[in-house]
Amino acid sequence: MSEISIRELRNHGGDVVDRAARGERLTITRSGKPVAEIHPLGRESLPLTMVMERRRHLPLVDPDQLRKDLDQILDPAI
């Protein structure tokens, strides 16, 4: 977890929020002591109907062919 001073938060608030939005947890300090924390919010869950609709548009995958393709690229012993 990164620490930033309250001064840095005041002067670069947008950048600090962007860092949190990218997944970083930040501790805000005042006179070197932790006083607050900024962290990303959890994402909303998709409704099951939307997940099913998105899945309908995915291509079908042949597991045997996928394994052969991966064995050509990677060590087959993996």
PDB file of N, CA and C in Angstrom:
ATOM      1  N   MET A   1       0.848  -1.168   0.000  1.00  0.00           N
ATOM      2  CA  MET A   1       0.000   0.000   0.000  1.00  0.00           C
ATOM      3  C   MET A   1       0.896   1.234   0.000  1.00  0.00           C
ATOM      4  N   SER A   2       0.611   2.177  -0.858  1.00  0.00           N
ATOM      5  CA  SER A   2       1.386   3.406  -0.976  1.00  0.00           C
ATOM      6  C   SER A   2       0.897   4.445   0.021  1.00  0.00           C
ATOM      7  N   GLU A   3       1.806   5.295   0.435  1.00  0.00           N
ATOM      8  CA  GLU A   3       1.442   6.410   1.309  1.00  0.00           C
ATOM      9  C   GLU A   3       1.588   7.709   0.539  1.00  0.00           C
ATOM     10  N   ILE A   4       0.633   8.608   0.731  1.00  0.00           N
ATOM     11  CA  ILE A   4       0.744   9.947   0.160  1.00  0.00           C
ATOM     12  C   ILE A   4       0.354  10.942   1.243  1.00  0.00           C
ATOM     13  N   SER A   5       0.964  12.112   1.176  1.00  0.00           N
ATOM     14  CA  SER A   5       0.662  13.134   2.179  1.00  0.00           C
ATOM     15  C   SER A   5      -0.635  13.840   1.820  1.00  0.00           C
ATOM     16  N   ILE A   6      -1.204  14.471   2.815  1.00  0.00           N
ATOM     17  CA  ILE A   6      -2.432  15.228   2.576  1.00  0.00           C
ATOM     18  C   ILE A   6      -2.156  16.371   1.599  1.00  0.00           C
ATOM     19  N   ARG A   7      -0.943  16.888   1.606  1.00  0.00           N
ATOM     20  CA  ARG A   7      -0.567  17.951   0.661  1.00  0.00           C
ATOM     21  C   ARG A   7      -0.585  17.420  -0.761  1.00  0.00           C
ATOM     22  N   GLU A   8      -0.027  16.229  -0.959  1.00  0.00           N
ATOM     23  CA  GLU A   8      -0.039  15.624  -2.289  1.00  0.00           C
ATOM     24  C   GLU A   8      -1.481  15.362  -2.745  1.00  0.00           C
ATOM     25  N   LEU A   9      -2.316  14.918  -1.829  1.00  0.00           N
ATOM     26  CA  LEU A   9      -3.719  14.696  -2.157  1.00  0.00           C
ATOM     27  C   LEU A   9      -4.380  16.006  -2.589  1.00  0.00           C
ATOM     28  N   ARG A  10      -4.110  17.072  -1.860  1.00  0.00           N
ATOM     29  CA  ARG A  10      -4.691  18.372  -2.193  1.00  0.00           C
ATOM     30  C   ARG A  10      -4.200  18.872  -3.555  1.00  0.00           C
ATOM     31  N   ASN A  11      -2.901  18.733  -3.806  1.00  0.00           N
ATOM     32  CA  ASN A  11      -2.321  19.268  -5.040  1.00  0.00           C
ATOM     33  C   ASN A  11      -2.531  18.384  -6.263  1.00  0.00           C
ATOM     34  N   HIS A  12      -2.711  17.084  -6.049  1.00  0.00           N
ATOM     35  CA  HIS A  12      -2.822  16.143  -7.169  1.00  0.00           C
ATOM     36  C   HIS A  12      -3.990  15.183  -6.971  1.00  0.00           C
ATOM     37  N   GLY A  13      -5.107  15.716  -6.485  1.00  0.00           N
ATOM     38  CA  GLY A  13      -6.258  14.883  -6.154  1.00  0.00           C
ATOM     39  C   GLY A  13      -6.732  14.016  -7.306  1.00  0.00           C
ATOM     40  N   GLY A  14      -6.792  14.573  -8.504  1.00  0.00           N
ATOM     41  CA  GLY A  14      -7.248  13.796  -9.669  1.00  0.00           C
ATOM     42  C   GLY A  14      -6.337  12.619  -9.953  1.00  0.00           C
ATOM     43  N   ASP A  15      -5.028  12.841  -9.864  1.00  0.00           N
ATOM     44  CA  ASP A  15      -4.076  11.750 -10.090  1.00  0.00           C
ATOM     45  C   ASP A  15      -4.215  10.666  -9.031  1.00  0.00           C
ATOM     46  N   VAL A  16      -4.440  11.077  -7.783  1.00  0.00           N
ATOM     47  CA  VAL A  16      -4.597  10.116  -6.687  1.00  0.00           C
ATOM     48  C   VAL A  16      -5.849   9.266  -6.919  1.00  0.00           C
ATOM     49  N   VAL A  17      -6.933   9.887  -7.311  1.00  0.00           N
ATOM     50  CA  VAL A  17      -8.169   9.146  -7.579  1.00  0.00           C
ATOM     51  C   VAL A  17      -7.966   8.206  -8.771  1.00  0.00           C
ATOM     52  N   ASP A  18      -7.247   8.652  -9.793  1.00  0.00           N
ATOM     53  CA  ASP A  18      -6.959   7.778 -10.940  1.00  0.00           C
ATOM     54  C   ASP A  18      -6.170   6.545 -10.500  1.00  0.00           C
ATOM     55  N   ARG A  19      -5.210   6.729  -9.603  1.00  0.00           N
ATOM     56  CA  ARG A  19      -4.432   5.587  -9.098  1.00  0.00           C
ATOM     57  C   ARG A  19      -5.341   4.599  -8.380  1.00  0.00           C
ATOM     58  N   ALA A  20      -6.246   5.118  -7.560  1.00  0.00           N
ATOM     59  CA  ALA A  20      -7.180   4.243  -6.843  1.00  0.00           C
ATOM     60  C   ALA A  20      -8.099   3.532  -7.824  1.00  0.00           C
ATOM     61  N   ALA A  21      -8.545   4.238  -8.846  1.00  0.00           N
ATOM     62  CA  ALA A  21      -9.442   3.629  -9.832  1.00  0.00           C
ATOM     63  C   ALA A  21      -8.755   2.489 -10.578  1.00  0.00           C
ATOM     64  N   ARG A  22      -7.431   2.556 -10.692  1.00  0.00           N
ATOM     65  CA  ARG A  22      -6.670   1.481 -11.340  1.00  0.00           C
ATOM     66  C   ARG A  22      -6.380   0.320 -10.391  1.00  0.00           C
ATOM     67  N   GLY A  23      -6.848   0.425  -9.139  1.00  0.00           N
ATOM     68  CA  GLY A  23      -6.711  -0.695  -8.217  1.00  0.00           C
ATOM     69  C   GLY A  23      -5.747  -0.486  -7.069  1.00  0.00           C
ATOM     70  N   GLU A  24      -5.113   0.653  -6.998  1.00  0.00           N
ATOM     71  CA  GLU A  24      -4.124   0.894  -5.936  1.00  0.00           C
ATOM     72  C   GLU A  24      -4.810   1.330  -4.645  1.00  0.00           C
ATOM     73  N   ARG A  25      -4.301   0.829  -3.524  1.00  0.00           N
ATOM     74  CA  ARG A  25      -4.780   1.267  -2.208  1.00  0.00           C
ATOM     75  C   ARG A  25      -3.778   2.290  -1.692  1.00  0.00           C
ATOM     76  N   LEU A  26      -4.275   3.420  -1.219  1.00  0.00           N
ATOM     77  CA  LEU A  26      -3.409   4.511  -0.788  1.00  0.00           C
ATOM     78  C   LEU A  26      -3.741   4.916   0.643  1.00  0.00           C
ATOM     79  N   THR A  27      -2.711   5.132   1.433  1.00  0.00           N
ATOM     80  CA  THR A  27      -2.881   5.634   2.794  1.00  0.00           C
ATOM     81  C   THR A  27      -2.528   7.111   2.788  1.00  0.00           C
ATOM     82  N   ILE A  28      -3.423   7.936   3.311  1.00  0.00           N
ATOM     83  CA  ILE A  28      -3.198   9.368   3.402  1.00  0.00           C
ATOM     84  C   ILE A  28      -2.559   9.651   4.758  1.00  0.00           C
ATOM     85  N   THR A  29      -1.484  10.448   4.740  1.00  0.00           N
ATOM     86  CA  THR A  29      -0.795  10.769   5.987  1.00  0.00           C
ATOM     87  C   THR A  29      -0.858  12.266   6.266  1.00  0.00           C
ATOM     88  N   ARG A  30      -0.882  12.600   7.543  1.00  0.00           N
ATOM     89  CA  ARG A  30      -0.782  13.990   8.005  1.00  0.00           C
ATOM     90  C   ARG A  30       0.351  14.017   9.009  1.00  0.00           C
ATOM     91  N   SER A  31       1.335  14.827   8.729  1.00  0.00           N
ATOM     92  CA  SER A  31       2.546  14.901   9.577  1.00  0.00           C
ATOM     93  C   SER A  31       3.163  13.524   9.750  1.00  0.00           C
ATOM     94  N   GLY A  32       3.119  12.716   8.692  1.00  0.00           N
ATOM     95  CA  GLY A  32       3.745  11.399   8.703  1.00  0.00           C
ATOM     96  C   GLY A  32       2.925  10.294   9.346  1.00  0.00           C
ATOM     97  N   LYS A  33       1.743  10.630   9.863  1.00  0.00           N
ATOM     98  CA  LYS A  33       0.906   9.619  10.519  1.00  0.00           C
ATOM     99  C   LYS A  33      -0.293   9.279   9.638  1.00  0.00           C
ATOM    100  N   PRO A  34      -0.597   7.981   9.487  1.00  0.00           N
ATOM    101  CA  PRO A  34      -1.753   7.587   8.667  1.00  0.00           C
ATOM    102  C   PRO A  34      -3.060   8.109   9.272  1.00  0.00           C
ATOM    103  N   VAL A  35      -3.899   8.715   8.418  1.00  0.00           N
ATOM    104  CA  VAL A  35      -5.179   9.241   8.904  1.00  0.00           C
ATOM    105  C   VAL A  35      -6.369   8.749   8.076  1.00  0.00           C
ATOM    106  N   ALA A  36      -6.119   8.274   6.867  1.00  0.00           N
ATOM    107  CA  ALA A  36      -7.237   7.836   6.019  1.00  0.00           C
ATOM    108  C   ALA A  36      -6.694   6.885   4.962  1.00  0.00           C
ATOM    109  N   GLU A  37      -7.634   6.270   4.275  1.00  0.00           N
ATOM    110  CA  GLU A  37      -7.262   5.328   3.227  1.00  0.00           C
ATOM    111  C   GLU A  37      -8.186   5.538   2.027  1.00  0.00           C
ATOM    112  N   ILE A  38      -7.609   5.479   0.848  1.00  0.00           N
ATOM    113  CA  ILE A  38      -8.380   5.539  -0.390  1.00  0.00           C
ATOM    114  C   ILE A  38      -8.164   4.217  -1.102  1.00  0.00           C
ATOM    115  N   HIS A  39      -9.254   3.602  -1.540  1.00  0.00           N
ATOM    116  CA  HIS A  39      -9.144   2.319  -2.240  1.00  0.00           C
ATOM    117  C   HIS A  39     -10.227   2.235  -3.297  1.00  0.00           C
ATOM    118  N   PRO A  40     -10.028   1.379  -4.294  1.00  0.00           N
ATOM    119  CA  PRO A  40     -11.038   1.259  -5.355  1.00  0.00           C
ATOM    120  C   PRO A  40     -12.313   0.623  -4.820  1.00  0.00           C
ATOM    121  N   LEU A  41     -13.427   1.035  -5.370  1.00  0.00           N
ATOM    122  CA  LEU A  41     -14.706   0.416  -5.027  1.00  0.00           C
ATOM    123  C   LEU A  41     -14.864  -0.862  -5.832  1.00  0.00           C
ATOM    124  N   GLY A  42     -15.590  -1.819  -5.284  1.00  0.00           N
ATOM    125  CA  GLY A  42     -15.868  -3.049  -6.012  1.00  0.00           C
ATOM    126  C   GLY A  42     -16.753  -2.750  -7.209  1.00  0.00           C
ATOM    127  N   ARG A  43     -16.638  -3.556  -8.208  1.00  0.00           N
ATOM    128  CA  ARG A  43     -17.463  -3.373  -9.395  1.00  0.00           C
ATOM    129  C   ARG A  43     -18.815  -4.029  -9.186  1.00  0.00           C
ATOM    130  N   GLU A  44     -19.820  -3.472  -9.853  1.00  0.00           N
ATOM    131  CA  GLU A  44     -21.161  -4.041  -9.760  1.00  0.00           C
ATOM    132  C   GLU A  44     -21.198  -5.374 -10.507  1.00  0.00           C
ATOM    133  N   SER A  45     -21.939  -6.303  -9.964  1.00  0.00           N
ATOM    134  CA  SER A  45     -22.116  -7.596 -10.621  1.00  0.00           C
ATOM    135  C   SER A  45     -23.041  -7.430 -11.822  1.00  0.00           C
ATOM    136  N   LEU A  46     -22.746  -8.205 -12.863  1.00  0.00           N
ATOM    137  CA  LEU A  46     -23.623  -8.212 -14.031  1.00  0.00           C
ATOM    138  C   LEU A  46     -24.805  -9.126 -13.764  1.00  0.00           C
ATOM    139  N   PRO A  47     -25.970  -8.747 -14.239  1.00  0.00           N
ATOM    140  CA  PRO A  47     -27.118  -9.652 -14.116  1.00  0.00           C
ATOM    141  C   PRO A  47     -26.870 -10.929 -14.922  1.00  0.00           C
ATOM    142  N   LEU A  48     -27.398 -12.036 -14.447  1.00  0.00           N
ATOM    143  CA  LEU A  48     -27.194 -13.320 -15.106  1.00  0.00           C
ATOM    144  C   LEU A  48     -27.647 -13.285 -16.564  1.00  0.00           C
ATOM    145  N   THR A  49     -28.717 -12.590 -16.829  1.00  0.00           N
ATOM    146  CA  THR A  49     -29.203 -12.524 -18.221  1.00  0.00           C
ATOM    147  C   THR A  49     -28.177 -11.869 -19.130  1.00  0.00           C
ATOM    148  N   MET A  50     -27.478 -10.851 -18.639  1.00  0.00           N
ATOM    149  CA  MET A  50     -26.463 -10.188 -19.449  1.00  0.00           C
ATOM    150  C   MET A  50     -25.256 -11.109 -19.652  1.00  0.00           C
ATOM    151  N   VAL A  51     -24.856 -11.841 -18.622  1.00  0.00           N
ATOM    152  CA  VAL A  51     -23.738 -12.783 -18.742  1.00  0.00           C
ATOM    153  C   VAL A  51     -24.074 -13.841 -19.792  1.00  0.00           C
ATOM    154  N   MET A  52     -25.298 -14.362 -19.733  1.00  0.00           N
ATOM    155  CA  MET A  52     -25.710 -15.385 -20.701  1.00  0.00           C
ATOM    156  C   MET A  52     -25.747 -14.813 -22.120  1.00  0.00           C
ATOM    157  N   GLU A  53     -26.205 -13.595 -22.254  1.00  0.00           N
ATOM    158  CA  GLU A  53     -26.260 -12.962 -23.574  1.00  0.00           C
ATOM    159  C   GLU A  53     -24.851 -12.761 -24.142  1.00  0.00           C
ATOM    160  N   ARG A  54     -23.920 -12.332 -23.301  1.00  0.00           N
ATOM    161  CA  ARG A  54     -22.536 -12.152 -23.754  1.00  0.00           C
ATOM    162  C   ARG A  54     -21.913 -13.483 -24.153  1.00  0.00           C
ATOM    163  N   ARG A  55     -22.220 -14.538 -23.407  1.00  0.00           N
ATOM    164  CA  ARG A  55     -21.648 -15.851 -23.702  1.00  0.00           C
ATOM    165  C   ARG A  55     -22.122 -16.368 -25.052  1.00  0.00           C
ATOM    166  N   ARG A  56     -23.343 -16.037 -25.439  1.00  0.00           N
ATOM    167  CA  ARG A  56     -23.877 -16.486 -26.725  1.00  0.00           C
ATOM    168  C   ARG A  56     -23.037 -16.015 -27.906  1.00  0.00           C
ATOM    169  N   HIS A  57     -22.328 -14.921 -27.725  1.00  0.00           N
ATOM    170  CA  HIS A  57     -21.556 -14.335 -28.815  1.00  0.00           C
ATOM    171  C   HIS A  57     -20.108 -14.835 -28.861  1.00  0.00           C
ATOM    172  N   LEU A  58     -19.737 -15.676 -27.921  1.00  0.00           N
ATOM    173  CA  LEU A  58     -18.371 -16.214 -27.909  1.00  0.00           C
ATOM    174  C   LEU A  58     -18.259 -17.379 -28.898  1.00  0.00           C
ATOM    175  N   PRO A  59     -17.085 -17.525 -29.506  1.00  0.00           N
ATOM    176  CA  PRO A  59     -16.922 -18.656 -30.433  1.00  0.00           C
ATOM    177  C   PRO A  59     -16.853 -19.973 -29.670  1.00  0.00           C
ATOM    178  N   LEU A  60     -17.263 -21.053 -30.332  1.00  0.00           N
ATOM    179  CA  LEU A  60     -17.146 -22.380 -29.745  1.00  0.00           C
ATOM    180  C   LEU A  60     -15.680 -22.788 -29.729  1.00  0.00           C
ATOM    181  N   VAL A  61     -15.274 -23.511 -28.702  1.00  0.00           N
ATOM    182  CA  VAL A  61     -13.882 -23.942 -28.565  1.00  0.00           C
ATOM    183  C   VAL A  61     -13.851 -25.458 -28.525  1.00  0.00           C
ATOM    184  N   ASP A  62     -13.009 -26.027 -29.394  1.00  0.00           N
ATOM    185  CA  ASP A  62     -12.769 -27.467 -29.388  1.00  0.00           C
ATOM    186  C   ASP A  62     -11.621 -27.728 -28.421  1.00  0.00           C
ATOM    187  N   PRO A  63     -11.872 -28.357 -27.269  1.00  0.00           N
ATOM    188  CA  PRO A  63     -10.817 -28.532 -26.267  1.00  0.00           C
ATOM    189  C   PRO A  63      -9.627 -29.338 -26.779  1.00  0.00           C
ATOM    190  N   ASP A  64      -9.868 -30.349 -27.619  1.00  0.00           N
ATOM    191  CA  ASP A  64      -8.755 -31.153 -28.143  1.00  0.00           C
ATOM    192  C   ASP A  64      -7.866 -30.323 -29.063  1.00  0.00           C
ATOM    193  N   GLN A  65      -8.485 -29.520 -29.919  1.00  0.00           N
ATOM    194  CA  GLN A  65      -7.710 -28.677 -30.818  1.00  0.00           C
ATOM    195  C   GLN A  65      -6.964 -27.594 -30.036  1.00  0.00           C
ATOM    196  N   LEU A  66      -7.595 -27.054 -29.017  1.00  0.00           N
ATOM    197  CA  LEU A  66      -6.934 -26.061 -28.178  1.00  0.00           C
ATOM    198  C   LEU A  66      -5.694 -26.660 -27.533  1.00  0.00           C
ATOM    199  N   ARG A  67      -5.806 -27.894 -27.014  1.00  0.00           N
ATOM    200  CA  ARG A  67      -4.665 -28.563 -26.392  1.00  0.00           C
ATOM    201  C   ARG A  67      -3.534 -28.755 -27.403  1.00  0.00           C
ATOM    202  N   LYS A  68      -3.873 -29.180 -28.627  1.00  0.00           N
ATOM    203  CA  LYS A  68      -2.854 -29.364 -29.671  1.00  0.00           C
ATOM    204  C   LYS A  68      -2.168 -28.041 -29.999  1.00  0.00           C
ATOM    205  N   ASP A  69      -2.958 -26.992 -30.122  1.00  0.00           N
ATOM    206  CA  ASP A  69      -2.384 -25.680 -30.423  1.00  0.00           C
ATOM    207  C   ASP A  69      -1.448 -25.229 -29.308  1.00  0.00           C
ATOM    208  N   LEU A  70      -1.867 -25.423 -28.065  1.00  0.00           N
ATOM    209  CA  LEU A  70      -1.014 -25.032 -26.944  1.00  0.00           C
ATOM    210  C   LEU A  70       0.256 -25.867 -26.877  1.00  0.00           C
ATOM    211  N   ASP A  71       0.140 -27.161 -27.190  1.00  0.00           N
ATOM    212  CA  ASP A  71       1.327 -28.023 -27.179  1.00  0.00           C
ATOM    213  C   ASP A  71       2.340 -27.605 -28.243  1.00  0.00           C
ATOM    214  N   GLN A  72       1.880 -27.024 -29.336  1.00  0.00           N
ATOM    215  CA  GLN A  72       2.801 -26.552 -30.370  1.00  0.00           C
ATOM    216  C   GLN A  72       3.564 -25.324 -29.904  1.00  0.00           C
ATOM    217  N   ILE A  73       2.922 -24.537 -29.039  1.00  0.00           N
ATOM    218  CA  ILE A  73       3.547 -23.300 -28.580  1.00  0.00           C
ATOM    219  C   ILE A  73       4.350 -23.521 -27.304  1.00  0.00           C
ATOM    220  N   LEU A  74       3.804 -24.318 -26.401  1.00  0.00           N
ATOM    221  CA  LEU A  74       4.409 -24.546 -25.090  1.00  0.00           C
ATOM    222  C   LEU A  74       4.975 -25.958 -25.005  1.00  0.00           C
ATOM    223  N   ASP A  75       5.724 -26.198 -23.970  1.00  0.00           N
ATOM    224  CA  ASP A  75       6.253 -27.532 -23.699  1.00  0.00           C
ATOM    225  C   ASP A  75       5.086 -28.463 -23.381  1.00  0.00           C
ATOM    226  N   PRO A  76       4.883 -29.536 -24.156  1.00  0.00           N
ATOM    227  CA  PRO A  76       3.744 -30.431 -23.930  1.00  0.00           C
ATOM    228  C   PRO A  76       3.762 -31.102 -22.563  1.00  0.00           C
ATOM    229  N   ALA A  77       4.897 -31.112 -21.870  1.00  0.00           N
ATOM    230  CA  ALA A  77       4.975 -31.759 -20.569  1.00  0.00           C
ATOM    231  C   ALA A  77       4.327 -30.907 -19.469  1.00  0.00           C
ATOM    232  N   ILE A  78       3.982 -29.698 -19.796  1.00  0.00           N
ATOM    233  CA  ILE A  78       3.392 -28.805 -18.784  1.00  0.00           C
ATOM    234  C   ILE A  78       1.975 -29.249 -18.494  1.00  0.00           C
TER     235      ILE A  78
END
